[in-house]
N, C-alpha and C. Protein backbone atom coordinates (compact mmCIF):
# COMPACT_ATOMS: atom_id res chain seq x y z
N UNK A 1 101.45 69.96 87.39
CA UNK A 1 101.13 71.08 88.25
C UNK A 1 101.89 70.92 89.57
N UNK A 2 102.43 72.00 90.09
CA UNK A 2 103.21 71.93 91.32
C UNK A 2 102.32 72.11 92.54
N UNK A 3 102.81 71.64 93.69
CA UNK A 3 102.08 71.80 94.93
C UNK A 3 102.15 73.25 95.41
N UNK A 4 101.15 73.65 96.13
CA UNK A 4 101.13 74.99 96.73
C UNK A 4 102.02 75.01 97.96
N UNK A 5 102.55 76.17 98.28
CA UNK A 5 103.37 76.32 99.47
C UNK A 5 102.48 76.29 100.71
N UNK A 6 102.97 75.68 101.75
CA UNK A 6 102.23 75.60 103.01
C UNK A 6 102.68 76.73 103.93
N UNK A 7 101.78 77.24 104.77
CA UNK A 7 102.18 78.27 105.73
C UNK A 7 103.15 77.68 106.76
N UNK A 8 104.07 78.50 107.24
CA UNK A 8 105.05 78.04 108.22
C UNK A 8 104.57 78.18 109.66
N UNK A 9 103.65 79.13 109.89
CA UNK A 9 103.17 79.37 111.25
C UNK A 9 101.76 79.92 111.23
N UNK A 10 101.08 79.82 112.35
CA UNK A 10 99.72 80.32 112.49
C UNK A 10 99.74 81.85 112.52
N UNK A 11 98.88 82.51 111.74
CA UNK A 11 98.85 83.98 111.76
C UNK A 11 98.27 84.56 113.05
N UNK A 12 97.66 83.73 113.89
CA UNK A 12 97.05 84.21 115.14
C UNK A 12 97.96 84.04 116.34
N UNK A 13 98.57 82.85 116.49
CA UNK A 13 99.38 82.60 117.69
C UNK A 13 100.86 82.39 117.37
N UNK A 14 101.20 82.17 116.11
CA UNK A 14 102.59 82.00 115.73
C UNK A 14 103.12 80.57 115.86
N UNK A 15 102.30 79.66 116.33
CA UNK A 15 102.75 78.28 116.49
C UNK A 15 102.90 77.60 115.13
N UNK A 16 103.72 76.57 115.09
CA UNK A 16 104.00 75.87 113.84
C UNK A 16 103.25 74.54 113.71
N UNK A 17 102.37 74.23 114.64
CA UNK A 17 101.63 72.96 114.59
C UNK A 17 100.37 73.12 113.73
N UNK A 18 100.56 73.15 112.42
CA UNK A 18 99.47 73.35 111.47
C UNK A 18 99.17 72.06 110.73
N UNK A 19 97.89 71.86 110.46
CA UNK A 19 97.45 70.70 109.69
C UNK A 19 96.48 71.18 108.61
N UNK A 20 96.50 70.56 107.43
CA UNK A 20 95.50 70.90 106.41
C UNK A 20 94.10 70.61 106.93
N UNK A 21 93.18 71.49 106.64
CA UNK A 21 91.79 71.33 107.09
C UNK A 21 90.98 70.61 106.02
N UNK A 22 89.92 69.99 106.44
CA UNK A 22 89.01 69.31 105.50
C UNK A 22 88.03 70.30 104.87
N UNK A 23 88.13 71.57 105.24
CA UNK A 23 87.19 72.58 104.73
C UNK A 23 87.41 72.92 103.27
N UNK A 24 88.55 72.57 102.72
CA UNK A 24 88.78 72.85 101.30
C UNK A 24 90.18 73.35 101.03
N UNK A 25 90.41 73.73 99.78
CA UNK A 25 91.72 74.17 99.32
C UNK A 25 92.18 75.42 100.06
N UNK A 26 93.38 75.40 100.60
CA UNK A 26 93.94 76.55 101.29
C UNK A 26 93.51 76.70 102.73
N UNK A 27 92.74 75.75 103.26
CA UNK A 27 92.26 75.83 104.64
C UNK A 27 93.23 75.07 105.56
N UNK A 28 93.53 75.67 106.71
CA UNK A 28 94.47 75.11 107.67
C UNK A 28 93.91 75.19 109.07
N UNK A 29 94.35 74.27 109.92
CA UNK A 29 93.95 74.27 111.33
C UNK A 29 95.20 74.38 112.19
N UNK A 30 95.13 75.22 113.23
CA UNK A 30 96.23 75.33 114.18
C UNK A 30 95.85 74.54 115.42
N UNK A 31 96.66 73.55 115.77
CA UNK A 31 96.37 72.70 116.93
C UNK A 31 96.70 73.41 118.24
N UNK A 32 97.54 74.44 118.20
CA UNK A 32 97.94 75.14 119.42
C UNK A 32 96.83 76.08 119.93
N UNK A 33 96.21 76.86 119.02
CA UNK A 33 95.18 77.81 119.47
C UNK A 33 93.78 77.41 119.04
N UNK A 34 93.66 76.25 118.36
CA UNK A 34 92.36 75.70 117.95
C UNK A 34 91.60 76.63 117.01
N UNK A 35 92.33 77.30 116.13
CA UNK A 35 91.71 78.18 115.13
C UNK A 35 91.88 77.56 113.74
N UNK A 36 90.96 77.90 112.86
CA UNK A 36 91.06 77.50 111.47
C UNK A 36 91.12 78.77 110.63
N UNK A 37 91.91 78.73 109.57
CA UNK A 37 92.03 79.89 108.69
C UNK A 37 92.23 79.40 107.27
N UNK A 38 92.05 80.32 106.32
CA UNK A 38 92.18 79.97 104.92
C UNK A 38 93.07 80.98 104.23
N UNK A 39 93.97 80.48 103.39
CA UNK A 39 94.85 81.32 102.60
C UNK A 39 94.31 81.40 101.18
N UNK A 40 94.35 82.61 100.63
CA UNK A 40 93.84 82.78 99.28
C UNK A 40 94.65 83.86 98.57
N UNK A 41 95.14 83.55 97.37
CA UNK A 41 95.84 84.51 96.55
C UNK A 41 94.80 85.36 95.83
N UNK A 42 94.85 86.67 96.01
CA UNK A 42 93.85 87.55 95.42
C UNK A 42 94.22 88.02 94.02
N UNK A 43 95.49 88.13 93.72
CA UNK A 43 95.92 88.58 92.40
C UNK A 43 97.05 89.59 92.52
N UNK A 44 97.49 90.09 91.38
CA UNK A 44 98.56 91.08 91.34
C UNK A 44 97.97 92.48 91.46
N UNK A 45 98.74 93.37 92.04
CA UNK A 45 98.31 94.76 92.15
C UNK A 45 98.37 95.44 90.79
N UNK A 46 97.46 96.36 90.53
CA UNK A 46 97.42 97.05 89.25
C UNK A 46 98.65 97.91 89.05
N UNK A 47 99.21 98.46 90.13
CA UNK A 47 100.37 99.33 90.01
C UNK A 47 101.63 98.56 89.65
N UNK A 48 101.71 97.32 90.09
CA UNK A 48 102.91 96.54 89.83
C UNK A 48 104.10 97.06 90.61
N UNK A 49 105.26 96.62 90.22
CA UNK A 49 106.48 97.05 90.88
C UNK A 49 106.91 98.39 90.31
N UNK A 50 107.24 99.32 91.19
CA UNK A 50 107.75 100.62 90.75
C UNK A 50 109.26 100.55 90.78
N UNK A 51 109.87 100.77 89.64
CA UNK A 51 111.32 100.73 89.55
C UNK A 51 111.85 102.15 89.50
N UNK A 52 112.85 102.41 90.33
CA UNK A 52 113.47 103.73 90.35
C UNK A 52 114.59 103.78 89.33
N UNK A 53 114.82 104.98 88.77
CA UNK A 53 115.92 105.15 87.83
C UNK A 53 117.24 105.05 88.59
N UNK A 54 118.26 104.46 87.98
CA UNK A 54 119.56 104.37 88.64
C UNK A 54 120.09 105.76 88.98
N UNK A 55 120.87 105.85 90.03
CA UNK A 55 121.43 107.12 90.48
C UNK A 55 122.27 107.75 89.37
N UNK A 56 122.00 109.02 89.07
CA UNK A 56 122.79 109.73 88.07
C UNK A 56 122.23 109.62 86.67
N UNK A 57 121.18 108.87 86.46
CA UNK A 57 120.62 108.76 85.12
C UNK A 57 119.66 109.91 84.88
N UNK A 58 119.45 110.28 83.62
CA UNK A 58 118.53 111.38 83.31
C UNK A 58 117.10 111.04 83.73
N UNK A 59 116.34 112.04 84.07
CA UNK A 59 114.98 111.82 84.54
C UNK A 59 113.96 111.98 83.43
N UNK A 60 114.42 112.10 82.20
CA UNK A 60 113.48 112.22 81.09
C UNK A 60 113.25 113.65 80.67
N UNK A 61 113.96 114.61 81.22
CA UNK A 61 113.81 116.01 80.86
C UNK A 61 114.38 116.25 79.47
N UNK A 62 113.71 117.04 78.66
CA UNK A 62 114.17 117.30 77.30
C UNK A 62 114.88 118.64 77.19
N UNK A 63 115.15 119.32 78.30
CA UNK A 63 115.84 120.60 78.28
C UNK A 63 117.31 120.38 78.00
N UNK A 64 117.93 121.26 77.16
CA UNK A 64 119.32 121.13 76.81
C UNK A 64 120.25 121.53 77.92
N UNK A 65 119.91 122.55 78.69
CA UNK A 65 120.79 123.04 79.74
C UNK A 65 120.43 122.41 81.08
N UNK A 66 121.43 121.93 81.83
CA UNK A 66 121.12 121.32 83.12
C UNK A 66 120.66 122.35 84.14
N UNK A 67 120.92 123.64 83.90
CA UNK A 67 120.53 124.69 84.86
C UNK A 67 119.19 125.31 84.50
N UNK A 68 118.70 125.08 83.29
CA UNK A 68 117.39 125.57 82.90
C UNK A 68 117.37 127.05 82.56
N UNK A 69 118.47 127.75 82.60
CA UNK A 69 118.49 129.19 82.31
C UNK A 69 118.98 129.48 80.90
N UNK A 70 118.67 130.68 80.40
CA UNK A 70 119.13 131.09 79.06
C UNK A 70 120.49 131.73 79.19
N UNK A 71 121.38 131.57 78.15
CA UNK A 71 122.69 132.19 78.22
C UNK A 71 122.74 133.46 77.45
């Protein structure tokens, strides 16, 4: 199992003097502003990543004429 990534800076003051907290997994202490915080991964979004169609590709229309009119 790999180690978790550590935060680079405090989300409150922006300082980089962070230490792991004894409060548990994902808990950190900032020595600059004397705050403690916890990081937690909540999960993936249900929508996921929305991918756009490449420029110039068909949009899924089943019409034969690009102008939509009858000849």
